[in-house]
């Protein structure tokens, strides 16, 4: 879930950094912790791919290329960087990275440079990179191009272009439980009343990925703290430390007693630490910088996907058009908990996690939320990203909204405004 018409940065293209080592070793089996049904679903996804014009072939060695929107100062990009390094070093694969690549023609140029450098697969990490990756994929049909968190792979029909994401809404739901437990503690201690259990949330844009994220976080908190409400503000940028800090301070001044975010800087967490307000971060722990306020963070673990790519390219196997990792595949994880969590938090989170993995708890269970005061019985979502954005697919099944479900697309499409959440700024 990223970068629809994102930030056009003025930062120049950075020099490529060549890292890695020697001959490619045999890659371990991807997603070894996945249950049988996940493996079957993956086979189904492969079978549903459009007819190929370039059959993949086995390679003696693999060389990977990675394109990142920002650098290590962005928690979002750093999460990808760490995963790329871990997967490639574990499998002995040589790799090249390019950082600070804007969501413009620079992405196409970077992809072409990586192709010319001999990369067998090229991955880009930001939603706005997608069109430029598609352009490069058409030019280099023998190279595999993979992209997070796009929406067009299943409609483009290119054998060498693929989208990937993970059910991060599950992780955000679990992080929301940690937030709700903290609110309960504050109520029990007399720090706030039940009607003062108001959370704040810093969002980047009003895209489905962000809406899915803050809605799942809110529902997680509500599952343990029924009186909770939430206010959301937007910055209009995936990475703007000043705007994110200002947004957090504004929410705190407006009565929010706990803050979370879908933005990539340390702006909001540091504002919370200064104000003594509990904080749930994203894409990595902020415990070192915020020892007194950090609760937990959810993130996508990209190692399983990158390992899967390496193995697929190495063996000449087809790559899923839309890959969606889950908690069960190790693709959605929480960081270690901070010292500020409430008693019983770990147990509550583990219980909910077990139910999600077992399929007995669904994050977007329609019995747990309303839209304009009504329960949702049907919703036609646009999961095909056609030119007119025409809602075309029923996504309510068995009493829950099937977000990023098998057979649809991997990128989020939950774009409902549920009751209990107030948007303070919808300019983006």
Protein backbone atom coordinates (compact mmCIF):
# COMPACT_ATOMS: atom_id res chain seq x y z
CA UNK A 1 0.00 0.00 0.00
CA UNK A 2 2.24 3.11 -2.15
CA UNK A 3 2.62 6.46 -3.80
CA UNK A 4 -0.29 7.34 -6.09
CA UNK A 5 0.81 10.60 -7.71
CA UNK A 6 3.26 11.02 -4.87
CA UNK A 7 5.97 13.54 -4.22
CA UNK A 8 7.93 14.86 -7.17
CA UNK A 9 11.22 15.40 -5.42
CA UNK A 10 13.95 17.72 -6.64
CA UNK A 11 16.71 15.61 -5.17
CA UNK A 12 19.12 14.48 -7.87
CA UNK A 13 19.64 10.85 -8.74
CA UNK A 14 22.19 9.40 -6.34
CA UNK A 15 25.08 7.27 -7.39
CA UNK A 16 24.47 3.55 -7.57
CA UNK A 17 25.88 1.48 -4.77
CA UNK A 18 27.11 -1.98 -5.68
CA UNK A 19 27.04 -4.47 -2.86
CA UNK A 20 26.70 -8.22 -2.42
CA UNK A 21 29.07 -11.03 -3.17
CA UNK A 22 30.23 -13.67 -5.61
CA UNK A 23 28.29 -16.54 -7.05
CA UNK A 24 24.62 -16.90 -6.31
CA UNK A 25 23.87 -19.63 -3.80
CA UNK A 26 20.72 -21.71 -3.93
CA UNK A 27 17.85 -19.68 -2.51
CA UNK A 28 15.88 -21.13 0.38
CA UNK A 29 12.23 -21.94 -0.18
CA UNK A 30 10.15 -18.77 0.05
CA UNK A 31 7.41 -18.43 2.65
CA UNK A 32 8.30 -21.71 4.35
CA UNK A 33 6.01 -20.84 7.22
CA UNK A 34 2.98 -20.41 4.96
CA UNK A 35 0.09 -22.83 5.56
CA UNK A 36 -1.01 -25.21 2.83
CA UNK A 37 -3.91 -23.00 1.82
CA UNK A 38 -1.54 -20.07 1.24
CA UNK A 39 0.60 -22.23 -1.03
CA UNK A 40 -2.48 -23.34 -2.94
CA UNK A 41 -3.58 -19.72 -3.26
CA UNK A 42 -0.20 -18.82 -4.71
CA UNK A 43 -0.53 -21.56 -7.30
CA UNK A 44 -3.98 -20.23 -8.16
CA UNK A 45 -2.55 -16.73 -8.61
CA UNK A 46 0.13 -18.07 -10.94
CA UNK A 47 -2.42 -20.01 -12.97
CA UNK A 48 -4.51 -16.87 -13.40
CA UNK A 49 -1.65 -14.84 -14.91
CA UNK A 50 -2.07 -13.54 -18.45
CA UNK A 51 -0.49 -15.49 -21.29
CA UNK A 52 3.24 -14.95 -21.37
CA UNK A 53 5.28 -13.85 -24.34
CA UNK A 54 8.62 -14.44 -22.63
CA UNK A 55 8.89 -17.73 -20.77
CA UNK A 56 11.17 -17.44 -17.73
CA UNK A 57 14.38 -19.42 -17.88
CA UNK A 58 16.65 -20.74 -15.14
CA UNK A 59 19.78 -18.70 -14.48
CA UNK A 60 23.26 -19.60 -13.29
CA UNK A 61 23.26 -16.53 -11.06
CA UNK A 62 20.95 -13.71 -10.08
CA UNK A 63 21.68 -10.01 -9.93
CA UNK A 64 19.04 -7.80 -8.33
CA UNK A 65 18.30 -4.11 -8.70
CA UNK A 66 16.36 -1.99 -6.20
CA UNK A 67 14.87 1.48 -6.63
CA UNK A 68 13.96 3.46 -3.49
CA UNK A 69 11.97 6.69 -3.30
CA UNK A 70 14.05 8.09 -0.45
CA UNK A 71 17.10 6.99 1.52
CA UNK A 72 17.71 5.50 4.95
CA UNK A 73 16.29 8.60 6.65
CA UNK A 74 12.82 7.45 5.60
CA UNK A 75 11.47 4.66 7.80
CA UNK A 76 9.47 3.39 4.82
CA UNK A 77 12.46 3.08 2.50
CA UNK A 78 14.80 1.86 5.23
CA UNK A 79 12.45 -1.06 5.84
CA UNK A 80 12.83 -2.08 2.18
CA UNK A 81 16.58 -1.52 2.23
CA UNK A 82 17.08 -3.74 5.25
CA UNK A 83 14.99 -6.50 3.66
CA UNK A 84 16.85 -6.30 0.34
CA UNK A 85 20.19 -6.56 2.11
CA UNK A 86 19.04 -9.45 4.31
CA UNK A 87 17.53 -11.49 1.45
CA UNK A 88 20.39 -10.93 -0.98
CA UNK A 89 23.17 -11.55 1.53
CA UNK A 90 21.45 -14.70 2.81
CA UNK A 91 21.28 -16.11 -0.73
CA UNK A 92 24.62 -14.80 -2.00
CA UNK A 93 22.99 -12.59 -4.61
CA UNK A 94 24.72 -9.51 -5.99
CA UNK A 95 22.58 -6.39 -5.91
CA UNK A 96 22.56 -2.71 -6.80
CA UNK A 97 20.50 -0.03 -5.07
CA UNK A 98 19.42 3.40 -6.24
CA UNK A 99 18.10 5.84 -3.65
CA UNK A 100 16.22 9.14 -3.79
CA UNK A 101 14.51 8.25 -7.08
CA UNK A 102 11.45 10.50 -7.61
CA UNK A 103 8.12 9.26 -8.91
CA UNK A 104 8.82 10.52 -12.40
CA UNK A 105 10.87 9.79 -15.50
CA UNK A 106 13.88 9.40 -13.23
CA UNK A 107 12.45 6.03 -12.19
CA UNK A 108 12.37 4.81 -15.79
CA UNK A 109 15.94 5.98 -16.29
CA UNK A 110 17.07 4.26 -13.09
CA UNK A 111 15.34 1.02 -14.15
CA UNK A 112 17.05 1.14 -17.54
CA UNK A 113 20.43 1.72 -15.90
CA UNK A 114 19.88 -1.31 -13.67
CA UNK A 115 18.85 -3.38 -16.68
CA UNK A 116 21.96 -2.30 -18.57
CA UNK A 117 24.02 -3.21 -15.49
CA UNK A 118 22.87 -6.82 -15.84
CA UNK A 119 20.14 -7.05 -13.22
CA UNK A 120 17.80 -10.02 -13.75
CA UNK A 121 15.01 -8.52 -11.68
CA UNK A 122 14.35 -4.92 -10.70
CA UNK A 123 12.16 -3.80 -7.82
CA UNK A 124 10.76 -0.32 -7.05
CA UNK A 125 9.20 0.55 -3.71
CA UNK A 126 6.81 3.47 -4.30
CA UNK A 127 3.33 3.64 -5.81
CA UNK A 128 4.19 6.52 -8.13
CA UNK A 129 7.01 4.52 -9.67
CA UNK A 130 4.58 2.11 -11.30
CA UNK A 131 3.99 3.66 -14.73
CA UNK A 132 7.73 4.10 -15.24
CA UNK A 133 8.44 0.53 -14.23
CA UNK A 134 5.83 -0.63 -16.74
CA UNK A 135 7.53 1.47 -19.41
CA UNK A 136 10.86 -0.19 -18.62
CA UNK A 137 9.28 -3.67 -18.49
CA UNK A 138 8.03 -3.22 -22.04
CA UNK A 139 11.50 -2.25 -23.18
CA UNK A 140 13.24 -5.17 -21.45
CA UNK A 141 10.91 -8.20 -21.76
CA UNK A 142 13.61 -10.63 -20.64
CA UNK A 143 13.95 -8.91 -17.23
CA UNK A 144 11.46 -9.25 -14.37
CA UNK A 145 10.12 -5.96 -12.96
CA UNK A 146 8.42 -5.99 -9.55
CA UNK A 147 6.69 -3.14 -7.79
CA UNK A 148 5.15 -2.21 -4.46
CA UNK A 149 2.43 -1.27 -3.98
CA UNK A 150 0.90 -0.89 -7.39
CA UNK A 151 -2.40 -1.86 -8.92
CA UNK A 152 -1.82 -2.43 -12.64
CA UNK A 153 0.01 -5.74 -13.01
CA UNK A 154 -3.15 -7.82 -13.39
CA UNK A 155 -4.60 -5.51 -16.03
CA UNK A 156 -1.41 -4.70 -17.99
CA UNK A 157 -0.98 -8.33 -19.03
CA UNK A 158 2.82 -8.18 -19.08
CA UNK A 159 4.52 -11.47 -18.27
CA UNK A 160 7.47 -9.63 -16.69
CA UNK A 161 5.66 -7.04 -14.52
CA UNK A 162 4.38 -7.87 -11.04
CA UNK A 163 2.82 -6.12 -8.04
CA UNK A 164 3.39 -7.00 -4.41
CA UNK A 165 2.04 -5.94 -1.05
CA UNK A 166 1.15 -7.49 2.29
CA UNK A 167 -1.87 -7.44 4.58
CA UNK A 168 -0.40 -4.69 6.74
CA UNK A 169 -3.92 -3.84 7.87
CA UNK A 170 -3.64 -6.96 10.04
CA UNK A 171 -0.53 -5.54 11.68
CA UNK A 172 -2.12 -2.14 12.13
CA UNK A 173 -5.13 -3.79 13.76
CA UNK A 174 -2.83 -5.50 16.26
CA UNK A 175 -1.00 -2.22 16.89
CA UNK A 176 -4.42 -0.67 17.44
CA UNK A 177 -5.09 -3.20 20.18
CA UNK A 178 -1.92 -2.00 21.93
CA UNK A 179 -3.22 1.56 21.61
CA UNK A 180 -6.65 0.61 22.97
CA UNK A 181 -5.09 -1.17 25.93
CA UNK A 182 -3.10 1.99 26.71
CA UNK A 183 -6.27 4.09 26.54
CA UNK A 184 -7.96 1.68 28.97
CA UNK A 185 -5.04 2.08 31.37
CA UNK A 186 -5.30 5.86 31.14
CA UNK A 187 -9.05 5.66 31.86
CA UNK A 188 -8.54 3.30 34.80
CA UNK A 189 -5.83 5.55 36.24
CA UNK A 190 -8.11 8.57 36.02
CA UNK A 191 -5.86 10.34 33.51
CA UNK A 192 -8.75 10.64 31.05
CA UNK A 193 -12.44 9.87 30.98
CA UNK A 194 -14.00 7.39 28.55
CA UNK A 195 -15.18 10.17 26.24
CA UNK A 196 -11.66 11.62 26.22
CA UNK A 197 -10.25 8.45 24.65
CA UNK A 198 -9.44 10.27 21.41
CA UNK A 199 -6.60 9.13 19.18
CA UNK A 200 -4.88 11.19 16.51
CA UNK A 201 -3.48 9.91 13.23
CA UNK A 202 -1.06 11.50 10.77
CA UNK A 203 -1.82 10.41 7.21
CA UNK A 204 -0.03 11.27 4.00
CA UNK A 205 -2.80 11.24 1.39
CA UNK A 206 -6.44 10.21 1.22
CA UNK A 207 -5.61 7.08 -0.78
CA UNK A 208 -7.12 3.68 -0.13
CA UNK A 209 -3.85 2.43 1.36
CA UNK A 210 -3.90 5.16 3.99
CA UNK A 211 -7.65 4.81 4.64
CA UNK A 212 -7.30 1.05 5.05
CA UNK A 213 -4.42 1.65 7.45
CA UNK A 214 -6.04 4.15 9.78
CA UNK A 215 -9.37 2.32 9.71
CA UNK A 216 -7.81 -1.01 10.72
CA UNK A 217 -5.79 0.72 13.46
CA UNK A 218 -8.96 2.33 14.80
CA UNK A 219 -10.90 -0.96 14.71
CA UNK A 220 -8.11 -2.68 16.63
CA UNK A 221 -8.27 -0.03 19.35
CA UNK A 222 -12.07 -0.13 19.40
CA UNK A 223 -12.05 -3.90 19.89
CA UNK A 224 -10.68 -3.38 23.40
CA UNK A 225 -11.70 0.24 24.13
CA UNK A 226 -15.28 0.72 22.86
CA UNK A 227 -15.45 4.47 23.60
CA UNK A 228 -12.46 5.38 21.43
CA UNK A 229 -12.74 7.90 18.59
CA UNK A 230 -10.07 9.16 16.21
CA UNK A 231 -9.12 12.32 14.35
CA UNK A 232 -7.05 12.13 11.16
CA UNK A 233 -5.00 14.88 9.55
CA UNK A 234 -3.07 14.72 6.28
CA UNK A 235 0.25 16.20 5.24
CA UNK A 236 0.13 15.78 1.45
CA UNK A 237 3.52 14.10 1.53
CA UNK A 238 4.89 10.66 2.34
CA UNK A 239 7.90 12.22 4.01
CA UNK A 240 7.78 15.70 5.54
CA UNK A 241 9.20 15.80 9.05
CA UNK A 242 8.10 19.36 9.72
CA UNK A 243 4.53 18.80 8.55
CA UNK A 244 4.26 15.50 10.43
CA UNK A 245 5.53 17.08 13.65
CA UNK A 246 3.18 20.05 13.24
CA UNK A 247 0.30 17.68 12.53
CA UNK A 248 0.98 15.69 15.68
CA UNK A 249 1.23 18.84 17.80
CA UNK A 250 -2.03 20.11 16.35
CA UNK A 251 -3.79 16.84 17.16
CA UNK A 252 -2.41 16.87 20.70
CA UNK A 253 -3.61 20.44 21.19
CA UNK A 254 -6.99 19.31 19.85
CA UNK A 255 -7.38 16.76 22.63
CA UNK A 256 -5.81 13.62 21.16
CA UNK A 257 -4.17 11.57 23.91
CA UNK A 258 -2.43 9.00 21.68
CA UNK A 259 -0.93 9.38 18.20
CA UNK A 260 -0.18 7.05 15.31
CA UNK A 261 0.83 7.65 11.71
CA UNK A 262 1.03 6.59 8.10
CA UNK A 263 3.97 8.80 7.22
CA UNK A 264 7.65 8.09 7.01
CA UNK A 265 9.60 10.48 9.23
CA UNK A 266 10.29 10.79 12.95
CA UNK A 267 8.30 14.02 13.10
CA UNK A 268 5.22 12.66 14.87
CA UNK A 269 7.04 10.29 17.28
CA UNK A 270 9.41 13.01 18.48
CA UNK A 271 6.51 15.42 18.97
CA UNK A 272 4.84 12.76 21.11
CA UNK A 273 7.98 12.18 23.17
CA UNK A 274 8.28 15.90 23.84
CA UNK A 275 4.62 16.13 24.87
CA UNK A 276 4.60 12.86 26.82
CA UNK A 277 1.88 11.39 24.59
CA UNK A 278 1.85 7.63 23.80
CA UNK A 279 2.87 6.86 20.24
CA UNK A 280 2.39 3.98 17.80
CA UNK A 281 4.87 4.36 14.95
CA UNK A 282 5.16 2.67 11.56
CA UNK A 283 7.82 0.65 9.72
CA UNK A 284 10.14 0.35 12.69
CA UNK A 285 10.67 0.88 16.38
CA UNK A 286 11.13 4.41 17.70
CA UNK A 287 12.01 3.12 21.17
CA UNK A 288 15.51 4.62 21.14
CA UNK A 289 14.33 8.13 20.25
CA UNK A 290 11.09 7.88 22.21
CA UNK A 291 11.78 5.68 25.24
CA UNK A 292 8.97 7.09 27.36
CA UNK A 293 6.13 7.08 24.84
CA UNK A 294 6.74 4.34 22.25
CA UNK A 295 4.21 1.49 22.34
CA UNK A 296 4.78 -0.64 19.22
CA UNK A 297 5.12 -0.44 15.45
CA UNK A 298 3.81 -2.58 12.62
CA UNK A 299 5.68 -3.13 9.40
CA UNK A 300 5.80 -5.24 6.28
CA UNK A 301 8.67 -7.73 6.28
CA UNK A 302 9.80 -7.85 2.66
CA UNK A 303 12.39 -10.61 3.16
CA UNK A 304 9.94 -13.42 2.26
CA UNK A 305 8.98 -11.70 -1.00
CA UNK A 306 12.53 -10.83 -2.00
CA UNK A 307 13.63 -14.40 -1.24
CA UNK A 308 10.70 -15.67 -3.32
CA UNK A 309 11.79 -13.42 -6.22
CA UNK A 310 15.36 -14.61 -6.03
CA UNK A 311 14.32 -18.26 -6.01
CA UNK A 312 11.80 -17.80 -8.83
CA UNK A 313 14.27 -16.00 -11.09
CA UNK A 314 17.02 -18.46 -10.26
CA UNK A 315 14.86 -21.50 -11.08
CA UNK A 316 13.07 -19.94 -14.04
CA UNK A 317 9.69 -20.15 -12.32
CA UNK A 318 6.81 -17.78 -12.93
CA UNK A 319 6.32 -14.93 -10.46
CA UNK A 320 2.83 -14.24 -9.12
CA UNK A 321 1.21 -11.26 -10.84
CA UNK A 322 -0.15 -10.03 -7.50
CA UNK A 323 1.65 -11.21 -4.37
CA UNK A 324 0.11 -10.54 -0.98
CA UNK A 325 2.04 -11.66 2.08
CA UNK A 326 0.29 -12.15 5.42
CA UNK A 327 1.00 -12.61 9.09
CA UNK A 328 1.09 -16.36 8.43
CA UNK A 329 3.83 -16.00 5.79
CA UNK A 330 5.92 -13.80 8.08
CA UNK A 331 5.29 -10.79 5.84
CA UNK A 332 3.45 -8.72 8.48
CA UNK A 333 5.19 -8.24 11.81
CA UNK A 334 5.22 -6.09 14.93
CA UNK A 335 8.34 -4.69 16.54
CA UNK A 336 9.19 -5.41 20.14
CA UNK A 337 6.89 -3.57 22.53
CA UNK A 338 8.02 -0.40 24.25
CA UNK A 339 8.17 0.01 28.00
CA UNK A 340 5.13 2.33 27.94
CA UNK A 341 2.60 -0.39 27.06
CA UNK A 342 -0.22 -1.26 29.44
CA UNK A 343 -0.30 -4.50 31.41
CA UNK A 344 -1.86 -7.34 29.43
CA UNK A 345 -1.03 -5.83 26.04
CA UNK A 346 1.20 -8.64 24.82
CA UNK A 347 -1.38 -11.26 25.74
CA UNK A 348 -4.23 -9.36 24.06
CA UNK A 349 -2.22 -8.89 20.87
CA UNK A 350 -1.10 -12.53 20.74
CA UNK A 351 -4.67 -13.73 21.21
CA UNK A 352 -5.92 -11.59 18.33
CA UNK A 353 -2.98 -12.58 16.14
CA UNK A 354 -3.77 -16.27 16.65
CA UNK A 355 -7.39 -15.66 15.65
CA UNK A 356 -6.37 -13.77 12.51
CA UNK A 357 -4.05 -16.59 11.49
CA UNK A 358 -6.80 -19.12 12.16
CA UNK A 359 -9.28 -17.14 10.07
CA UNK A 360 -11.70 -16.66 12.96
CA UNK A 361 -11.07 -12.91 13.23
CA UNK A 362 -11.39 -10.59 10.25
CA UNK A 363 -10.13 -7.03 10.59
CA UNK A 364 -12.96 -5.53 8.57
CA UNK A 365 -15.78 -7.58 10.06
CA UNK A 366 -18.90 -5.62 9.11
CA UNK A 367 -20.42 -6.32 12.53
CA UNK A 368 -17.74 -4.11 14.11
CA UNK A 369 -18.26 -0.84 12.22
CA UNK A 370 -20.89 1.27 10.48
CA UNK A 371 -20.85 3.76 7.63
CA UNK A 372 -23.18 6.74 8.09
CA UNK A 373 -24.89 4.82 10.87
CA UNK A 374 -25.61 1.72 8.81
CA UNK A 375 -24.08 -1.72 8.64
CA UNK A 376 -22.38 -2.53 5.37
CA UNK A 377 -24.03 -5.46 3.56
CA UNK A 378 -22.58 -4.89 0.10
CA UNK A 379 -19.76 -2.88 -1.45
CA UNK A 380 -18.62 -2.76 -5.05
CA UNK A 381 -14.92 -1.92 -5.09
CA UNK A 382 -12.76 -1.00 -8.04
CA UNK A 383 -10.10 -3.69 -7.84
CA UNK A 384 -9.20 -3.63 -11.55
CA UNK A 385 -8.10 0.02 -11.73
CA UNK A 386 -9.83 0.62 -15.04
CA UNK A 387 -9.56 4.00 -16.71
CA UNK A 388 -12.89 5.21 -15.38
CA UNK A 389 -12.43 3.77 -11.85
CA UNK A 390 -15.78 2.02 -12.11
CA UNK A 391 -16.66 -0.05 -9.00
CA UNK A 392 -16.91 -3.56 -10.37
CA UNK A 393 -16.34 -6.20 -7.70
CA UNK A 394 -18.38 -7.27 -4.67
CA UNK A 395 -15.91 -7.40 -1.79
CA UNK A 396 -18.24 -8.13 1.12
CA UNK A 397 -18.24 -11.88 1.69
CA UNK A 398 -19.12 -13.99 4.71
CA UNK A 399 -19.75 -10.85 6.73
CA UNK A 400 -16.46 -9.03 6.19
CA UNK A 401 -14.77 -6.70 3.73
CA UNK A 402 -12.23 -8.84 1.86
CA UNK A 403 -9.28 -6.46 1.69
CA UNK A 404 -6.40 -7.41 -0.66
CA UNK A 405 -8.02 -10.82 -1.12
CA UNK A 406 -6.87 -13.66 -3.34
CA UNK A 407 -8.20 -13.24 -6.86
CA UNK A 408 -8.53 -9.45 -6.58
CA UNK A 409 -5.36 -7.38 -6.25
CA UNK A 410 -2.65 -7.12 -3.63
CA UNK A 411 -2.84 -3.33 -3.10
CA UNK A 412 -5.52 -2.05 -0.66
CA UNK A 413 -8.90 -0.91 -1.94
CA UNK A 414 -10.70 -0.24 1.36
CA UNK A 415 -11.74 3.40 0.88
CA UNK A 416 -14.74 3.70 3.20
CA UNK A 417 -15.09 6.41 5.83
CA UNK A 418 -16.37 4.55 8.87
CA UNK A 419 -18.12 6.08 11.87
CA UNK A 420 -15.97 7.09 14.81
CA UNK A 421 -13.25 8.65 12.64
CA UNK A 422 -13.18 12.38 11.88
CA UNK A 423 -11.13 13.74 8.99
CA UNK A 424 -9.68 17.16 9.74
CA UNK A 425 -8.18 17.82 6.32
CA UNK A 426 -9.09 16.18 3.03
CA UNK A 427 -7.15 18.50 0.71
CA UNK A 428 -4.97 15.64 -0.46
